[in-house]
Amino acid sequence: MADFSTPMSVGGATGAMKMEGMGSGYLHSTLDEPVTETIMRDVRMVGSKMMCVLNPQKANINTLKDWDLWGPLILCLTLATLLSWFAPPEQKSLVFASVFVIIWCGAAVVTVNALLLGGNISFFQSVCVLGYCIFPLNIASVICLVFPPSGNVLIMWRTLVVAVCFFWSTGASLGFMGELVPPNRKALAVYPLFLFYTAIGWLILIAAKR
């Protein structure tokens, strides 16, 4: 008969089980930790991934391979809320829904394309990377909508800001996704990425013109 008297240690938030060979002091359970500690650990995890996007040259690709959808969801909701806030009253719901659908459906389409090209990445890893890489465009929306300059340079200023953040987002995603797609098929993976972030940048420019 099996002996059920021996306690078993199970990992917490990440779903990883701490196995033997890692040292007796290393094994622990996160089930008893305070809720605030769990939240702060997730916040630090999201923050570290955003920093990877802001500085992709010094980023560790394994950081984003440990996928989560909290960060992309927060960035998506932030962008959708901000653009809908500055939209006309009769278009607020439409703008919010459009941003939400474009981000998630667009990320899914780009991911399926990468997988069909033989990409060595899981579906949720790809969605995580694409979602975090809209962070520069979130910054662009804040700059264009919340702190718009006055005068004749308004359009040029907004276009420049969105263009810089667009290339930032695209470059960051290419840095991560490019390593996971066969070299002879990278061009086929770049085109959907370009369209994905172009659509988001265009939404920001349209909202900023109102």
C-alpha atoms as a PDB file:
ATOM      1  CA  MET A   1       0.000   0.000   0.000  1.00  0.00           C
ATOM      2  CA  ALA A   2       1.268   3.441  -0.837  1.00  0.00           C
ATOM      3  CA  ASP A   3       2.596   5.536   2.047  1.00  0.00           C
ATOM      4  CA  PHE A   4       0.754   8.873   2.127  1.00  0.00           C
ATOM      5  CA  SER A   5       2.427  10.072   5.304  1.00  0.00           C
ATOM      6  CA  THR A   6       5.368  11.675   3.495  1.00  0.00           C
ATOM      7  CA  PRO A   7       4.703  15.342   2.639  1.00  0.00           C
ATOM      8  CA  MET A   8       5.113  16.442  -0.945  1.00  0.00           C
ATOM      9  CA  SER A   9       6.444  19.874  -1.957  1.00  0.00           C
ATOM     10  CA  VAL A  10       4.697  21.513  -4.895  1.00  0.00           C
ATOM     11  CA  GLY A  11       5.724  24.714  -6.684  1.00  0.00           C
ATOM     12  CA  GLY A  12       3.362  27.686  -6.759  1.00  0.00           C
ATOM     13  CA  ALA A  13       2.719  30.499  -9.233  1.00  0.00           C
ATOM     14  CA  THR A  14       4.799  29.263 -12.156  1.00  0.00           C
ATOM     15  CA  GLY A  15       3.517  25.716 -11.963  1.00  0.00           C
ATOM     16  CA  ALA A  16       7.051  24.304 -11.739  1.00  0.00           C
ATOM     17  CA  MET A  17       7.672  21.446  -9.328  1.00  0.00           C
ATOM     18  CA  LYS A  18      10.947  21.589  -7.432  1.00  0.00           C
ATOM     19  CA  MET A  19      12.613  18.255  -8.059  1.00  0.00           C
ATOM     20  CA  GLU A  20      15.333  16.390  -6.211  1.00  0.00           C
ATOM     21  CA  GLY A  21      18.981  17.151  -6.808  1.00  0.00           C
ATOM     22  CA  MET A  22      18.515  20.892  -6.255  1.00  0.00           C
ATOM     23  CA  GLY A  23      19.475  20.870  -2.593  1.00  0.00           C
ATOM     24  CA  SER A  24      17.314  20.346   0.459  1.00  0.00           C
ATOM     25  CA  GLY A  25      17.287  24.046   1.297  1.00  0.00           C
ATOM     26  CA  TYR A  26      16.083  24.983  -2.167  1.00  0.00           C
ATOM     27  CA  LEU A  27      12.821  23.080  -1.965  1.00  0.00           C
ATOM     28  CA  HIS A  28       9.971  25.223  -0.753  1.00  0.00           C
ATOM     29  CA  SER A  29       6.301  25.854  -1.331  1.00  0.00           C
ATOM     30  CA  THR A  30       4.805  29.172  -2.365  1.00  0.00           C
ATOM     31  CA  LEU A  31       1.331  28.131  -1.256  1.00  0.00           C
ATOM     32  CA  ASP A  32       1.831  29.672   2.186  1.00  0.00           C
ATOM     33  CA  GLU A  33       3.390  32.959   1.079  1.00  0.00           C
ATOM     34  CA  PRO A  34       1.447  36.232   1.551  1.00  0.00           C
ATOM     35  CA  VAL A  35      -0.685  37.440  -1.346  1.00  0.00           C
ATOM     36  CA  THR A  36       1.291  40.685  -1.491  1.00  0.00           C
ATOM     37  CA  GLU A  37       4.515  38.738  -2.017  1.00  0.00           C
ATOM     38  CA  THR A  38       2.940  36.778  -4.867  1.00  0.00           C
ATOM     39  CA  ILE A  39       1.680  39.973  -6.495  1.00  0.00           C
ATOM     40  CA  MET A  40       5.033  41.729  -6.124  1.00  0.00           C
ATOM     41  CA  ARG A  41       6.839  38.757  -7.661  1.00  0.00           C
ATOM     42  CA  ASP A  42       4.523  38.894 -10.675  1.00  0.00           C
ATOM     43  CA  VAL A  43       4.956  42.674 -10.907  1.00  0.00           C
ATOM     44  CA  ARG A  44       8.746  42.293 -10.909  1.00  0.00           C
ATOM     45  CA  MET A  45       8.459  39.601 -13.580  1.00  0.00           C
ATOM     46  CA  VAL A  46       6.334  41.858 -15.808  1.00  0.00           C
ATOM     47  CA  GLY A  47       8.701  44.779 -15.203  1.00  0.00           C
ATOM     48  CA  SER A  48      11.770  42.735 -16.142  1.00  0.00           C
ATOM     49  CA  LYS A  49      10.155  41.700 -19.428  1.00  0.00           C
ATOM     50  CA  MET A  50       9.249  45.294 -20.238  1.00  0.00           C
ATOM     51  CA  MET A  51      12.875  46.257 -19.629  1.00  0.00           C
ATOM     52  CA  CYS A  52      13.903  43.524 -22.074  1.00  0.00           C
ATOM     53  CA  VAL A  53      11.751  45.208 -24.717  1.00  0.00           C
ATOM     54  CA  LEU A  54      13.134  48.669 -23.939  1.00  0.00           C
ATOM     55  CA  ASN A  55      16.710  47.390 -24.209  1.00  0.00           C
ATOM     56  CA  PRO A  56      16.534  44.328 -26.486  1.00  0.00           C
ATOM     57  CA  GLN A  57      20.266  44.296 -27.243  1.00  0.00           C
ATOM     58  CA  LYS A  58      21.095  43.432 -23.644  1.00  0.00           C
ATOM     59  CA  ALA A  59      18.026  41.287 -23.053  1.00  0.00           C
ATOM     60  CA  ASN A  60      18.050  37.584 -22.337  1.00  0.00           C
ATOM     61  CA  ILE A  61      15.698  35.785 -24.700  1.00  0.00           C
ATOM     62  CA  ASN A  62      14.992  33.178 -22.025  1.00  0.00           C
ATOM     63  CA  THR A  63      13.274  35.885 -19.972  1.00  0.00           C
ATOM     64  CA  LEU A  64      10.479  36.183 -22.527  1.00  0.00           C
ATOM     65  CA  LYS A  65      10.437  32.447 -23.186  1.00  0.00           C
ATOM     66  CA  ASP A  66       9.078  32.109 -19.652  1.00  0.00           C
ATOM     67  CA  TRP A  67       5.761  33.383 -20.970  1.00  0.00           C
ATOM     68  CA  ASP A  68       2.880  35.050 -19.217  1.00  0.00           C
ATOM     69  CA  LEU A  69      -0.146  36.958 -20.497  1.00  0.00           C
ATOM     70  CA  TRP A  70      -0.487  39.447 -17.637  1.00  0.00           C
ATOM     71  CA  GLY A  71       1.889  41.955 -19.194  1.00  0.00           C
ATOM     72  CA  PRO A  72       0.382  41.825 -22.704  1.00  0.00           C
ATOM     73  CA  LEU A  73      -3.116  42.086 -21.221  1.00  0.00           C
ATOM     74  CA  ILE A  74      -2.167  45.142 -19.153  1.00  0.00           C
ATOM     75  CA  LEU A  75      -0.497  46.828 -22.136  1.00  0.00           C
ATOM     76  CA  CYS A  76      -3.461  46.023 -24.392  1.00  0.00           C
ATOM     77  CA  LEU A  77      -6.012  47.366 -21.911  1.00  0.00           C
ATOM     78  CA  THR A  78      -3.908  50.476 -21.291  1.00  0.00           C
ATOM     79  CA  LEU A  79      -3.620  51.279 -24.991  1.00  0.00           C
ATOM     80  CA  ALA A  80      -7.286  50.520 -25.705  1.00  0.00           C
ATOM     81  CA  THR A  81      -8.442  52.621 -22.747  1.00  0.00           C
ATOM     82  CA  LEU A  82      -6.210  55.542 -23.664  1.00  0.00           C
ATOM     83  CA  LEU A  83      -7.254  55.627 -27.329  1.00  0.00           C
ATOM     84  CA  SER A  84     -10.945  55.235 -26.488  1.00  0.00           C
ATOM     85  CA  TRP A  85     -10.699  57.975 -23.840  1.00  0.00           C
ATOM     86  CA  PHE A  86      -9.723  60.537 -26.481  1.00  0.00           C
ATOM     87  CA  ALA A  87     -12.191  59.233 -29.084  1.00  0.00           C
ATOM     88  CA  PRO A  88     -15.557  60.928 -29.769  1.00  0.00           C
ATOM     89  CA  PRO A  89     -18.297  59.772 -27.362  1.00  0.00           C
ATOM     90  CA  GLU A  90     -20.141  57.778 -30.009  1.00  0.00           C
ATOM     91  CA  GLN A  91     -16.940  55.919 -31.011  1.00  0.00           C
ATOM     92  CA  LYS A  92     -15.425  55.067 -27.627  1.00  0.00           C
ATOM     93  CA  SER A  93     -16.723  51.495 -27.514  1.00  0.00           C
ATOM     94  CA  LEU A  94     -15.775  50.877 -31.140  1.00  0.00           C
ATOM     95  CA  VAL A  95     -12.232  52.167 -30.636  1.00  0.00           C
ATOM     96  CA  PHE A  96     -11.719  50.101 -27.486  1.00  0.00           C
ATOM     97  CA  ALA A  97     -12.992  46.923 -29.146  1.00  0.00           C
ATOM     98  CA  SER A  98     -10.983  47.570 -32.321  1.00  0.00           C
ATOM     99  CA  VAL A  99      -7.706  47.976 -30.437  1.00  0.00           C
ATOM    100  CA  PHE A 100      -8.391  44.882 -28.334  1.00  0.00           C
ATOM    101  CA  VAL A 101      -9.273  42.719 -31.346  1.00  0.00           C
ATOM    102  CA  ILE A 102      -6.389  43.970 -33.513  1.00  0.00           C
ATOM    103  CA  ILE A 103      -3.801  43.265 -30.822  1.00  0.00           C
ATOM    104  CA  TRP A 104      -4.949  39.775 -29.843  1.00  0.00           C
ATOM    105  CA  CYS A 105      -6.089  38.554 -33.250  1.00  0.00           C
ATOM    106  CA  GLY A 106      -3.047  40.119 -34.891  1.00  0.00           C
ATOM    107  CA  ALA A 107      -0.709  38.427 -32.425  1.00  0.00           C
ATOM    108  CA  ALA A 108      -2.461  35.113 -33.058  1.00  0.00           C
ATOM    109  CA  VAL A 109      -2.127  35.459 -36.842  1.00  0.00           C
ATOM    110  CA  VAL A 110       1.567  36.395 -36.622  1.00  0.00           C
ATOM    111  CA  THR A 111       2.137  33.447 -34.279  1.00  0.00           C
ATOM    112  CA  VAL A 112       0.406  30.933 -36.544  1.00  0.00           C
ATOM    113  CA  ASN A 113       2.453  32.251 -39.467  1.00  0.00           C
ATOM    114  CA  ALA A 114       5.692  31.782 -37.505  1.00  0.00           C
ATOM    115  CA  LEU A 115       4.696  28.247 -36.519  1.00  0.00           C
ATOM    116  CA  LEU A 116       3.853  27.347 -40.120  1.00  0.00           C
ATOM    117  CA  LEU A 117       7.304  28.614 -41.118  1.00  0.00           C
ATOM    118  CA  GLY A 118       8.872  26.144 -38.714  1.00  0.00           C
ATOM    119  CA  GLY A 119       9.431  28.492 -35.802  1.00  0.00           C
ATOM    120  CA  ASN A 120      10.805  26.892 -32.652  1.00  0.00           C
ATOM    121  CA  ILE A 121       8.380  28.584 -30.285  1.00  0.00           C
ATOM    122  CA  SER A 122       5.094  27.785 -28.607  1.00  0.00           C
ATOM    123  CA  PHE A 123       1.888  29.663 -29.346  1.00  0.00           C
ATOM    124  CA  PHE A 124       1.724  31.430 -25.990  1.00  0.00           C
ATOM    125  CA  GLN A 125       5.444  32.281 -26.002  1.00  0.00           C
ATOM    126  CA  SER A 126       4.983  34.093 -29.301  1.00  0.00           C
ATOM    127  CA  VAL A 127       1.847  35.920 -28.142  1.00  0.00           C
ATOM    128  CA  CYS A 128       3.722  36.935 -24.989  1.00  0.00           C
ATOM    129  CA  VAL A 129       6.650  38.367 -26.976  1.00  0.00           C
ATOM    130  CA  LEU A 130       4.405  40.228 -29.430  1.00  0.00           C
ATOM    131  CA  GLY A 131       2.276  41.590 -26.600  1.00  0.00           C
ATOM    132  CA  TYR A 132       5.201  42.896 -24.582  1.00  0.00           C
ATOM    133  CA  CYS A 133       6.725  44.482 -27.685  1.00  0.00           C
ATOM    134  CA  ILE A 134       3.811  46.927 -28.008  1.00  0.00           C
ATOM    135  CA  PHE A 135       5.194  48.679 -24.914  1.00  0.00           C
ATOM    136  CA  PRO A 136       7.045  51.356 -26.972  1.00  0.00           C
ATOM    137  CA  LEU A 137       3.800  52.080 -28.831  1.00  0.00           C
ATOM    138  CA  ASN A 138       2.073  52.517 -25.478  1.00  0.00           C
ATOM    139  CA  ILE A 139       4.689  55.141 -24.691  1.00  0.00           C
ATOM    140  CA  ALA A 140       4.008  56.780 -28.067  1.00  0.00           C
ATOM    141  CA  SER A 141       0.284  56.962 -27.331  1.00  0.00           C
ATOM    142  CA  VAL A 142       0.940  58.659 -23.991  1.00  0.00           C
ATOM    143  CA  ILE A 143       3.297  61.197 -25.571  1.00  0.00           C
ATOM    144  CA  CYS A 144       0.980  61.951 -28.507  1.00  0.00           C
ATOM    145  CA  LEU A 145      -2.319  62.064 -26.625  1.00  0.00           C
ATOM    146  CA  VAL A 146      -1.480  63.254 -23.130  1.00  0.00           C
ATOM    147  CA  PHE A 147       1.386  65.629 -23.901  1.00  0.00           C
ATOM    148  CA  PRO A 148       0.713  66.985 -27.403  1.00  0.00           C
ATOM    149  CA  PRO A 149       2.769  70.038 -28.477  1.00  0.00           C
ATOM    150  CA  SER A 150       1.043  73.094 -29.907  1.00  0.00           C
ATOM    151  CA  GLY A 151       1.679  74.862 -33.193  1.00  0.00           C
ATOM    152  CA  ASN A 152       2.416  73.784 -36.749  1.00  0.00           C
ATOM    153  CA  VAL A 153       4.814  71.036 -35.712  1.00  0.00           C
ATOM    154  CA  LEU A 154       1.996  68.968 -34.206  1.00  0.00           C
ATOM    155  CA  ILE A 155       1.579  66.492 -37.073  1.00  0.00           C
ATOM    156  CA  MET A 156       5.313  66.102 -37.655  1.00  0.00           C
ATOM    157  CA  TRP A 157       5.909  65.613 -33.938  1.00  0.00           C
ATOM    158  CA  ARG A 158       3.286  62.884 -33.607  1.00  0.00           C
ATOM    159  CA  THR A 159       4.430  61.134 -36.777  1.00  0.00           C
ATOM    160  CA  LEU A 160       8.039  61.163 -35.598  1.00  0.00           C
ATOM    161  CA  VAL A 161       7.159  59.807 -32.161  1.00  0.00           C
ATOM    162  CA  VAL A 162       4.992  57.002 -33.556  1.00  0.00           C
ATOM    163  CA  ALA A 163       7.605  56.142 -36.209  1.00  0.00           C
ATOM    164  CA  VAL A 164      10.404  55.867 -33.647  1.00  0.00           C
ATOM    165  CA  CYS A 165       8.313  53.715 -31.320  1.00  0.00           C
ATOM    166  CA  PHE A 166       7.087  51.615 -34.251  1.00  0.00           C
ATOM    167  CA  PHE A 167      10.647  50.735 -35.271  1.00  0.00           C
ATOM    168  CA  TRP A 168      11.475  50.158 -31.608  1.00  0.00           C
ATOM    169  CA  SER A 169       8.619  47.661 -31.232  1.00  0.00           C
ATOM    170  CA  THR A 170       9.346  45.975 -34.549  1.00  0.00           C
ATOM    171  CA  GLY A 171      13.076  45.770 -33.861  1.00  0.00           C
ATOM    172  CA  ALA A 172      12.535  44.308 -30.404  1.00  0.00           C
ATOM    173  CA  SER A 173      10.126  41.657 -31.679  1.00  0.00           C
ATOM    174  CA  LEU A 174      12.449  40.768 -34.556  1.00  0.00           C
ATOM    175  CA  GLY A 175      15.318  40.376 -32.117  1.00  0.00           C
ATOM    176  CA  PHE A 176      13.371  37.775 -30.169  1.00  0.00           C
ATOM    177  CA  MET A 177      11.351  36.129 -32.940  1.00  0.00           C
ATOM    178  CA  GLY A 178      14.170  36.145 -35.491  1.00  0.00           C
ATOM    179  CA  GLU A 179      16.186  33.655 -33.465  1.00  0.00           C
ATOM    180  CA  LEU A 180      13.282  31.215 -33.428  1.00  0.00           C
ATOM    181  CA  VAL A 181      12.505  31.139 -37.166  1.00  0.00           C
ATOM    182  CA  PRO A 182      14.671  29.332 -39.758  1.00  0.00           C
ATOM    183  CA  PRO A 183      17.124  31.821 -41.372  1.00  0.00           C
ATOM    184  CA  ASN A 184      15.868  31.176 -44.905  1.00  0.00           C
ATOM    185  CA  ARG A 185      12.304  32.068 -43.857  1.00  0.00           C
ATOM    186  CA  LYS A 186      12.893  35.175 -41.747  1.00  0.00           C
ATOM    187  CA  ALA A 187      11.634  37.493 -44.490  1.00  0.00           C
ATOM    188  CA  LEU A 188       8.284  35.700 -44.495  1.00  0.00           C
ATOM    189  CA  ALA A 189       8.051  36.172 -40.731  1.00  0.00           C
ATOM    190  CA  VAL A 190       9.002  39.868 -40.849  1.00  0.00           C
ATOM    191  CA  TYR A 191       6.173  40.969 -43.130  1.00  0.00           C
ATOM    192  CA  PRO A 192       3.282  40.069 -40.758  1.00  0.00           C
ATOM    193  CA  LEU A 193       5.179  41.662 -37.863  1.00  0.00           C
ATOM    194  CA  PHE A 194       5.525  44.846 -39.891  1.00  0.00           C
ATOM    195  CA  LEU A 195       1.797  44.914 -40.672  1.00  0.00           C
ATOM    196  CA  PHE A 196       0.882  44.135 -37.054  1.00  0.00           C
ATOM    197  CA  TYR A 197       2.752  47.063 -35.530  1.00  0.00           C
ATOM    198  CA  THR A 198       1.886  49.337 -38.461  1.00  0.00           C
ATOM    199  CA  ALA A 199      -1.822  48.828 -37.733  1.00  0.00           C
ATOM    200  CA  ILE A 200      -1.329  49.707 -34.062  1.00  0.00           C
ATOM    201  CA  GLY A 201       0.778  52.759 -34.897  1.00  0.00           C
ATOM    202  CA  TRP A 202      -1.826  53.926 -37.410  1.00  0.00           C
ATOM    203  CA  LEU A 203      -4.547  53.696 -34.758  1.00  0.00           C
ATOM    204  CA  ILE A 204      -2.455  55.921 -32.490  1.00  0.00           C
ATOM    205  CA  LEU A 205      -1.947  58.504 -35.243  1.00  0.00           C
ATOM    206  CA  ILE A 206      -5.657  58.571 -36.077  1.00  0.00           C
ATOM    207  CA  ALA A 207      -6.582  59.001 -32.418  1.00  0.00           C
ATOM    208  CA  ALA A 208      -4.007  61.771 -31.994  1.00  0.00           C
ATOM    209  CA  LYS A 209      -5.468  63.769 -34.899  1.00  0.00           C
ATOM    210  CA  ARG A 210      -8.838  64.145 -33.186  1.00  0.00           C
END
